[in-house]
Amino acid sequence: MRTTTDEIKTFFSSSAYAVIGVSADRKKFGNIVYRMMKEKQFTVYPVNPKIDIVEGNRCFASLADLPADVKSIVTVVPPQVTEQIVVEGIERGITGLWIQPGSESVAVIDRAKKANLTVIHHQCILMFLEPLESFHALHRWFKKLFGTYPK
């Protein structure tokens, strides 16, 4: 049930993404993921029903509000919220799901895989947003060293 490099390549082939659980607080991980994806030139939309604007951009309240070209999502929310997001995503036609560490559960992973979504789990997306920042390059090096990097 390990993530593969082919799954990661497939995930990154989408034309548009959404970060579910984005925060207006620049120190929170959802905000960091959103900003890094924007900086790396991804078409990415923030989703959080409690905020209107993030980093100067409109924040969407739900998956249903997103543009139709969003086919892949990154979750940075508690596992029980991820479970609901996966249900909504499957209904909406989402094809890729990156479940950040802390957002995952076995039930979510199983449900998404049964729906034939490309599922990335147990991996931090920041380790795969090229070019890497120094900390994430070091993190990736350690994962390769200890055999936990996707093959």
N, C-alpha and C. Protein backbone atom coordinates (compact mmCIF):
# COMPACT_ATOMS: atom_id res chain seq x y z
N MET A 1 0.83 -1.19 0.00
CA MET A 1 0.00 0.00 0.00
C MET A 1 0.87 1.26 0.00
N ARG A 2 2.12 1.14 -0.39
CA ARG A 2 3.02 2.29 -0.46
C ARG A 2 2.78 3.09 -1.72
N THR A 3 2.99 4.38 -1.61
CA THR A 3 2.89 5.27 -2.76
C THR A 3 4.06 5.02 -3.70
N THR A 4 3.80 5.11 -5.01
CA THR A 4 4.85 4.90 -6.00
C THR A 4 5.17 6.22 -6.72
N THR A 5 6.32 6.27 -7.35
CA THR A 5 6.68 7.46 -8.12
C THR A 5 5.73 7.64 -9.31
N ASP A 6 5.22 6.56 -9.88
CA ASP A 6 4.25 6.68 -10.97
C ASP A 6 2.98 7.37 -10.49
N GLU A 7 2.52 7.04 -9.29
CA GLU A 7 1.33 7.69 -8.74
C GLU A 7 1.58 9.19 -8.53
N ILE A 8 2.77 9.51 -8.06
CA ILE A 8 3.11 10.92 -7.85
C ILE A 8 3.14 11.66 -9.18
N LYS A 9 3.73 11.07 -10.21
CA LYS A 9 3.75 11.69 -11.54
C LYS A 9 2.34 11.88 -12.06
N THR A 10 1.49 10.89 -11.87
CA THR A 10 0.09 11.00 -12.31
C THR A 10 -0.61 12.13 -11.58
N PHE A 11 -0.41 12.22 -10.28
CA PHE A 11 -1.02 13.29 -9.49
C PHE A 11 -0.61 14.66 -10.04
N PHE A 12 0.66 14.83 -10.31
CA PHE A 12 1.17 16.12 -10.78
C PHE A 12 0.88 16.39 -12.26
N SER A 13 0.14 15.52 -12.92
CA SER A 13 -0.23 15.77 -14.32
C SER A 13 -1.57 16.51 -14.44
N SER A 14 -2.20 16.81 -13.32
CA SER A 14 -3.47 17.55 -13.35
C SER A 14 -3.25 18.98 -13.83
N SER A 15 -4.31 19.56 -14.36
CA SER A 15 -4.21 20.95 -14.81
C SER A 15 -4.50 21.95 -13.69
N ALA A 16 -5.24 21.51 -12.66
CA ALA A 16 -5.58 22.41 -11.55
C ALA A 16 -5.78 21.59 -10.27
N TYR A 17 -5.49 22.24 -9.14
CA TYR A 17 -5.50 21.59 -7.83
C TYR A 17 -6.26 22.44 -6.82
N ALA A 18 -6.63 21.80 -5.71
CA ALA A 18 -7.19 22.53 -4.58
C ALA A 18 -6.50 22.04 -3.31
N VAL A 19 -6.26 22.97 -2.40
CA VAL A 19 -5.73 22.61 -1.08
C VAL A 19 -6.89 22.76 -0.10
N ILE A 20 -7.30 21.63 0.44
CA ILE A 20 -8.43 21.60 1.37
C ILE A 20 -7.89 21.76 2.78
N GLY A 21 -8.36 22.81 3.46
CA GLY A 21 -7.89 23.07 4.81
C GLY A 21 -6.85 24.17 4.86
N VAL A 22 -6.84 25.00 3.82
CA VAL A 22 -5.91 26.12 3.80
C VAL A 22 -6.24 27.07 4.95
N SER A 23 -5.24 27.76 5.43
CA SER A 23 -5.41 28.68 6.55
C SER A 23 -4.92 30.07 6.13
N ALA A 24 -5.46 31.09 6.76
CA ALA A 24 -4.97 32.45 6.54
C ALA A 24 -3.67 32.68 7.30
N ASP A 25 -3.38 31.83 8.27
CA ASP A 25 -2.16 31.92 9.08
C ASP A 25 -0.99 31.34 8.28
N ARG A 26 -0.02 32.18 7.96
CA ARG A 26 1.12 31.76 7.13
C ARG A 26 1.98 30.70 7.79
N LYS A 27 1.83 30.47 9.07
CA LYS A 27 2.62 29.46 9.78
C LYS A 27 1.94 28.09 9.74
N LYS A 28 0.68 28.05 9.37
CA LYS A 28 -0.06 26.79 9.32
C LYS A 28 0.26 26.04 8.04
N PHE A 29 0.25 24.73 8.14
CA PHE A 29 0.70 23.90 7.03
C PHE A 29 -0.16 24.04 5.78
N GLY A 30 -1.46 24.19 5.94
CA GLY A 30 -2.33 24.37 4.77
C GLY A 30 -1.95 25.60 3.97
N ASN A 31 -1.60 26.66 4.65
CA ASN A 31 -1.18 27.89 3.99
C ASN A 31 0.17 27.69 3.30
N ILE A 32 1.08 27.01 3.97
CA ILE A 32 2.40 26.76 3.40
C ILE A 32 2.28 25.94 2.12
N VAL A 33 1.50 24.88 2.15
CA VAL A 33 1.31 24.04 0.95
C VAL A 33 0.72 24.88 -0.18
N TYR A 34 -0.30 25.65 0.12
CA TYR A 34 -0.94 26.49 -0.89
C TYR A 34 0.07 27.47 -1.50
N ARG A 35 0.79 28.19 -0.64
CA ARG A 35 1.77 29.17 -1.12
C ARG A 35 2.87 28.53 -1.96
N MET A 36 3.37 27.38 -1.49
CA MET A 36 4.45 26.71 -2.23
C MET A 36 3.96 26.25 -3.60
N MET A 37 2.75 25.74 -3.67
CA MET A 37 2.22 25.31 -4.96
C MET A 37 2.05 26.52 -5.89
N LYS A 38 1.58 27.65 -5.36
CA LYS A 38 1.46 28.88 -6.16
C LYS A 38 2.84 29.33 -6.64
N GLU A 39 3.81 29.32 -5.73
CA GLU A 39 5.17 29.75 -6.08
C GLU A 39 5.78 28.86 -7.17
N LYS A 40 5.39 27.59 -7.19
CA LYS A 40 5.92 26.65 -8.18
C LYS A 40 5.07 26.64 -9.45
N GLN A 41 4.19 27.63 -9.58
CA GLN A 41 3.40 27.86 -10.79
C GLN A 41 2.28 26.85 -11.03
N PHE A 42 1.80 26.20 -9.99
CA PHE A 42 0.63 25.34 -10.13
C PHE A 42 -0.62 26.21 -10.15
N THR A 43 -1.64 25.79 -10.88
CA THR A 43 -2.95 26.41 -10.77
C THR A 43 -3.59 25.74 -9.56
N VAL A 44 -3.73 26.50 -8.49
CA VAL A 44 -4.19 25.92 -7.23
C VAL A 44 -5.17 26.87 -6.54
N TYR A 45 -6.19 26.27 -5.95
CA TYR A 45 -7.25 27.04 -5.30
C TYR A 45 -7.31 26.67 -3.82
N PRO A 46 -7.50 27.67 -2.95
CA PRO A 46 -7.65 27.39 -1.52
C PRO A 46 -9.10 27.05 -1.18
N VAL A 47 -9.26 26.09 -0.25
CA VAL A 47 -10.61 25.72 0.18
C VAL A 47 -10.67 25.72 1.71
N ASN A 48 -11.57 26.52 2.25
CA ASN A 48 -11.86 26.55 3.68
C ASN A 48 -13.16 27.33 3.84
N PRO A 49 -14.20 26.70 4.37
CA PRO A 49 -15.49 27.38 4.48
C PRO A 49 -15.51 28.55 5.47
N LYS A 50 -14.44 28.69 6.25
CA LYS A 50 -14.42 29.74 7.28
C LYS A 50 -13.67 31.00 6.87
N ILE A 51 -13.08 31.01 5.67
CA ILE A 51 -12.33 32.20 5.24
C ILE A 51 -12.75 32.61 3.83
N ASP A 52 -12.66 33.90 3.56
CA ASP A 52 -13.03 34.43 2.25
C ASP A 52 -11.82 34.68 1.35
N ILE A 53 -10.71 35.12 1.94
CA ILE A 53 -9.51 35.48 1.17
C ILE A 53 -8.29 34.83 1.81
N VAL A 54 -7.44 34.23 0.97
CA VAL A 54 -6.17 33.66 1.45
C VAL A 54 -5.07 34.14 0.51
N GLU A 55 -4.07 34.75 1.08
CA GLU A 55 -2.93 35.24 0.29
C GLU A 55 -3.39 36.10 -0.88
N GLY A 56 -4.44 36.88 -0.64
CA GLY A 56 -4.95 37.78 -1.67
C GLY A 56 -5.85 37.14 -2.70
N ASN A 57 -6.15 35.86 -2.53
CA ASN A 57 -6.99 35.13 -3.49
C ASN A 57 -8.29 34.69 -2.83
N ARG A 58 -9.33 34.58 -3.66
CA ARG A 58 -10.62 34.08 -3.17
C ARG A 58 -10.43 32.68 -2.60
N CYS A 59 -11.01 32.45 -1.43
CA CYS A 59 -11.00 31.12 -0.83
C CYS A 59 -12.38 30.50 -1.04
N PHE A 60 -12.39 29.29 -1.54
CA PHE A 60 -13.64 28.59 -1.83
C PHE A 60 -14.15 27.88 -0.59
N ALA A 61 -15.46 27.82 -0.46
CA ALA A 61 -16.07 27.21 0.72
C ALA A 61 -16.10 25.69 0.66
N SER A 62 -16.15 25.13 -0.56
CA SER A 62 -16.26 23.68 -0.69
C SER A 62 -15.77 23.21 -2.05
N LEU A 63 -15.67 21.91 -2.19
CA LEU A 63 -15.29 21.34 -3.50
C LEU A 63 -16.29 21.72 -4.58
N ALA A 64 -17.55 21.76 -4.21
CA ALA A 64 -18.61 22.06 -5.18
C ALA A 64 -18.45 23.45 -5.80
N ASP A 65 -17.80 24.37 -5.10
CA ASP A 65 -17.64 25.74 -5.57
C ASP A 65 -16.45 25.93 -6.51
N LEU A 66 -15.59 24.92 -6.61
CA LEU A 66 -14.35 25.04 -7.38
C LEU A 66 -14.61 25.00 -8.89
N PRO A 67 -13.69 25.58 -9.68
CA PRO A 67 -13.80 25.46 -11.13
C PRO A 67 -13.75 23.98 -11.55
N ALA A 68 -14.36 23.68 -12.67
CA ALA A 68 -14.48 22.30 -13.14
C ALA A 68 -13.15 21.64 -13.46
N ASP A 69 -12.11 22.44 -13.77
CA ASP A 69 -10.83 21.84 -14.14
C ASP A 69 -10.03 21.30 -12.95
N VAL A 70 -10.50 21.52 -11.74
CA VAL A 70 -9.81 20.98 -10.56
C VAL A 70 -10.11 19.49 -10.48
N LYS A 71 -9.08 18.68 -10.69
CA LYS A 71 -9.24 17.23 -10.67
C LYS A 71 -8.41 16.56 -9.57
N SER A 72 -7.52 17.33 -8.94
CA SER A 72 -6.69 16.76 -7.88
C SER A 72 -6.73 17.68 -6.66
N ILE A 73 -6.74 17.05 -5.48
CA ILE A 73 -6.82 17.82 -4.25
C ILE A 73 -5.76 17.35 -3.25
N VAL A 74 -5.37 18.28 -2.39
CA VAL A 74 -4.46 18.00 -1.28
C VAL A 74 -5.26 18.25 -0.01
N THR A 75 -5.28 17.30 0.90
CA THR A 75 -6.01 17.50 2.15
C THR A 75 -5.04 17.79 3.29
N VAL A 76 -5.37 18.84 4.04
CA VAL A 76 -4.61 19.24 5.22
C VAL A 76 -5.64 19.51 6.32
N VAL A 77 -6.41 18.49 6.60
CA VAL A 77 -7.51 18.55 7.57
C VAL A 77 -7.49 17.26 8.40
N PRO A 78 -8.23 17.22 9.50
CA PRO A 78 -8.29 15.98 10.29
C PRO A 78 -8.87 14.82 9.47
N PRO A 79 -8.51 13.58 9.82
CA PRO A 79 -8.97 12.41 9.06
C PRO A 79 -10.48 12.35 8.86
N GLN A 80 -11.27 12.72 9.87
CA GLN A 80 -12.73 12.63 9.71
C GLN A 80 -13.23 13.62 8.66
N VAL A 81 -12.56 14.76 8.52
CA VAL A 81 -12.93 15.72 7.47
C VAL A 81 -12.48 15.18 6.11
N THR A 82 -11.29 14.59 6.07
CA THR A 82 -10.80 13.99 4.83
C THR A 82 -11.79 12.94 4.33
N GLU A 83 -12.37 12.15 5.24
CA GLU A 83 -13.35 11.14 4.83
C GLU A 83 -14.52 11.77 4.09
N GLN A 84 -15.04 12.88 4.59
CA GLN A 84 -16.15 13.56 3.93
C GLN A 84 -15.71 14.17 2.60
N ILE A 85 -14.51 14.73 2.58
CA ILE A 85 -13.98 15.33 1.35
C ILE A 85 -13.84 14.28 0.25
N VAL A 86 -13.39 13.08 0.62
CA VAL A 86 -13.24 12.01 -0.36
C VAL A 86 -14.60 11.63 -0.96
N VAL A 87 -15.62 11.54 -0.13
CA VAL A 87 -16.97 11.24 -0.62
C VAL A 87 -17.40 12.32 -1.62
N GLU A 88 -17.24 13.59 -1.25
CA GLU A 88 -17.61 14.70 -2.14
C GLU A 88 -16.75 14.68 -3.40
N GLY A 89 -15.47 14.40 -3.23
CA GLY A 89 -14.56 14.38 -4.38
C GLY A 89 -14.90 13.31 -5.39
N ILE A 90 -15.25 12.13 -4.91
CA ILE A 90 -15.63 11.04 -5.80
C ILE A 90 -16.88 11.44 -6.59
N GLU A 91 -17.86 12.02 -5.91
CA GLU A 91 -19.08 12.47 -6.58
C GLU A 91 -18.79 13.56 -7.62
N ARG A 92 -17.80 14.39 -7.34
CA ARG A 92 -17.46 15.52 -8.22
C ARG A 92 -16.56 15.12 -9.38
N GLY A 93 -15.94 13.96 -9.30
CA GLY A 93 -15.07 13.52 -10.38
C GLY A 93 -13.59 13.79 -10.15
N ILE A 94 -13.22 14.00 -8.91
CA ILE A 94 -11.80 14.17 -8.57
C ILE A 94 -11.07 12.88 -8.94
N THR A 95 -9.87 13.02 -9.51
CA THR A 95 -9.10 11.83 -9.90
C THR A 95 -7.83 11.64 -9.08
N GLY A 96 -7.36 12.71 -8.41
CA GLY A 96 -6.14 12.62 -7.63
C GLY A 96 -6.34 13.14 -6.22
N LEU A 97 -5.74 12.45 -5.26
CA LEU A 97 -5.88 12.81 -3.85
C LEU A 97 -4.53 12.67 -3.17
N TRP A 98 -4.03 13.78 -2.64
CA TRP A 98 -2.80 13.75 -1.84
C TRP A 98 -3.23 13.99 -0.40
N ILE A 99 -3.07 12.97 0.42
CA ILE A 99 -3.47 13.05 1.82
C ILE A 99 -2.22 13.34 2.64
N GLN A 100 -2.11 14.59 3.10
CA GLN A 100 -0.96 14.96 3.90
C GLN A 100 -0.92 14.14 5.20
N PRO A 101 0.28 13.83 5.71
CA PRO A 101 0.38 13.13 7.00
C PRO A 101 -0.44 13.89 8.05
N GLY A 102 -1.22 13.13 8.81
CA GLY A 102 -2.12 13.71 9.80
C GLY A 102 -3.54 13.81 9.31
N SER A 103 -3.74 13.74 7.99
CA SER A 103 -5.08 13.78 7.39
C SER A 103 -5.57 12.40 7.01
N GLU A 104 -4.71 11.43 7.11
CA GLU A 104 -5.02 10.11 6.55
C GLU A 104 -5.63 9.15 7.58
N SER A 105 -6.29 8.18 7.02
CA SER A 105 -6.79 7.02 7.77
C SER A 105 -6.86 5.86 6.79
N VAL A 106 -6.81 4.67 7.30
CA VAL A 106 -6.89 3.48 6.44
C VAL A 106 -8.20 3.49 5.67
N ALA A 107 -9.29 3.89 6.33
CA ALA A 107 -10.60 3.91 5.68
C ALA A 107 -10.62 4.88 4.49
N VAL A 108 -10.01 6.05 4.65
CA VAL A 108 -9.96 7.04 3.57
C VAL A 108 -9.16 6.51 2.39
N ILE A 109 -8.00 5.96 2.70
CA ILE A 109 -7.14 5.42 1.64
C ILE A 109 -7.85 4.32 0.88
N ASP A 110 -8.46 3.39 1.60
CA ASP A 110 -9.18 2.28 0.97
C ASP A 110 -10.33 2.77 0.10
N ARG A 111 -11.11 3.70 0.63
CA ARG A 111 -12.27 4.20 -0.13
C ARG A 111 -11.82 4.89 -1.42
N ALA A 112 -10.79 5.70 -1.32
CA ALA A 112 -10.30 6.42 -2.50
C ALA A 112 -9.73 5.46 -3.53
N LYS A 113 -8.99 4.47 -3.08
CA LYS A 113 -8.42 3.50 -4.02
C LYS A 113 -9.51 2.67 -4.69
N LYS A 114 -10.54 2.31 -3.94
CA LYS A 114 -11.66 1.56 -4.51
C LYS A 114 -12.39 2.37 -5.57
N ALA A 115 -12.33 3.69 -5.45
CA ALA A 115 -12.96 4.58 -6.44
C ALA A 115 -11.99 4.90 -7.58
N ASN A 116 -10.84 4.24 -7.60
CA ASN A 116 -9.82 4.40 -8.64
C ASN A 116 -9.19 5.79 -8.69
N LEU A 117 -9.13 6.46 -7.54
CA LEU A 117 -8.40 7.71 -7.47
C LEU A 117 -6.91 7.41 -7.36
N THR A 118 -6.08 8.30 -7.89
CA THR A 118 -4.65 8.23 -7.63
C THR A 118 -4.48 8.78 -6.23
N VAL A 119 -3.98 7.95 -5.32
CA VAL A 119 -3.90 8.31 -3.90
C VAL A 119 -2.45 8.36 -3.46
N ILE A 120 -2.04 9.52 -2.94
CA ILE A 120 -0.71 9.68 -2.37
C ILE A 120 -0.91 9.84 -0.87
N HIS A 121 -0.20 9.03 -0.09
CA HIS A 121 -0.33 9.10 1.37
C HIS A 121 1.01 8.79 2.02
N HIS A 122 1.13 9.19 3.27
CA HIS A 122 2.37 9.01 4.04
C HIS A 122 3.55 9.72 3.40
N GLN A 123 3.28 10.75 2.62
CA GLN A 123 4.33 11.55 1.98
C GLN A 123 3.94 13.02 2.08
N CYS A 124 4.91 13.86 2.37
CA CYS A 124 4.69 15.30 2.41
C CYS A 124 4.84 15.87 1.00
N ILE A 125 3.84 16.55 0.52
CA ILE A 125 3.87 17.10 -0.84
C ILE A 125 5.04 18.07 -1.03
N LEU A 126 5.48 18.73 0.02
CA LEU A 126 6.57 19.69 -0.11
C LEU A 126 7.88 19.04 -0.52
N MET A 127 8.01 17.73 -0.33
CA MET A 127 9.22 17.02 -0.76
C MET A 127 9.24 16.77 -2.26
N PHE A 128 8.13 17.07 -2.93
CA PHE A 128 8.01 16.76 -4.36
C PHE A 128 7.74 18.00 -5.22
N LEU A 129 7.71 19.16 -4.61
CA LEU A 129 7.50 20.40 -5.36
C LEU A 129 8.85 20.95 -5.78
N GLU A 130 9.21 20.67 -7.03
CA GLU A 130 10.52 21.07 -7.55
C GLU A 130 10.54 22.54 -7.96
N PRO A 131 11.65 23.22 -7.85
CA PRO A 131 12.85 22.79 -7.15
C PRO A 131 12.63 22.84 -5.64
N LEU A 132 13.27 21.91 -4.97
CA LEU A 132 13.08 21.76 -3.53
C LEU A 132 13.78 22.86 -2.74
N GLU A 133 13.16 23.19 -1.61
CA GLU A 133 13.80 24.06 -0.63
C GLU A 133 14.80 23.19 0.13
N SER A 134 15.77 23.79 0.77
CA SER A 134 16.85 23.02 1.41
C SER A 134 16.35 22.01 2.45
N PHE A 135 15.41 22.42 3.31
CA PHE A 135 14.91 21.50 4.34
C PHE A 135 14.24 20.29 3.71
N HIS A 136 13.45 20.52 2.68
CA HIS A 136 12.73 19.41 2.05
C HIS A 136 13.66 18.52 1.24
N ALA A 137 14.71 19.09 0.70
CA ALA A 137 15.72 18.27 0.00
C ALA A 137 16.40 17.34 1.01
N LEU A 138 16.69 17.86 2.19
CA LEU A 138 17.29 17.04 3.24
C LEU A 138 16.32 15.95 3.70
N HIS A 139 15.06 16.31 3.86
CA HIS A 139 14.03 15.35 4.26
C HIS A 139 13.94 14.22 3.22
N ARG A 140 13.94 14.59 1.95
CA ARG A 140 13.87 13.59 0.87
C ARG A 140 15.12 12.69 0.90
N TRP A 141 16.27 13.29 1.13
CA TRP A 141 17.52 12.51 1.19
C TRP A 141 17.43 11.47 2.30
N PHE A 142 16.92 11.87 3.48
CA PHE A 142 16.78 10.91 4.58
C PHE A 142 15.79 9.80 4.23
N LYS A 143 14.69 10.14 3.59
CA LYS A 143 13.72 9.11 3.20
C LYS A 143 14.35 8.12 2.23
N LYS A 144 15.15 8.61 1.30
CA LYS A 144 15.85 7.71 0.37
C LYS A 144 16.86 6.85 1.12
N LEU A 145 17.58 7.46 2.04
CA LEU A 145 18.57 6.74 2.83
C LEU A 145 17.95 5.59 3.62
N PHE A 146 16.77 5.83 4.20
CA PHE A 146 16.13 4.83 5.04
C PHE A 146 15.10 3.97 4.31
N GLY A 147 15.01 4.13 2.99
CA GLY A 147 14.15 3.27 2.18
C GLY A 147 12.67 3.56 2.28
N THR A 148 12.30 4.76 2.70
CA THR A 148 10.87 5.11 2.80
C THR A 148 10.41 6.04 1.68
N TYR A 149 11.30 6.33 0.74
CA TYR A 149 10.95 7.17 -0.39
C TYR A 149 10.24 6.31 -1.44
N PRO A 150 9.22 6.87 -2.10
CA PRO A 150 8.49 6.07 -3.11
C PRO A 150 9.41 5.53 -4.21
N LYS A 151 9.08 4.33 -4.66
CA LYS A 151 9.85 3.68 -5.73
C LYS A 151 9.01 3.59 -6.98
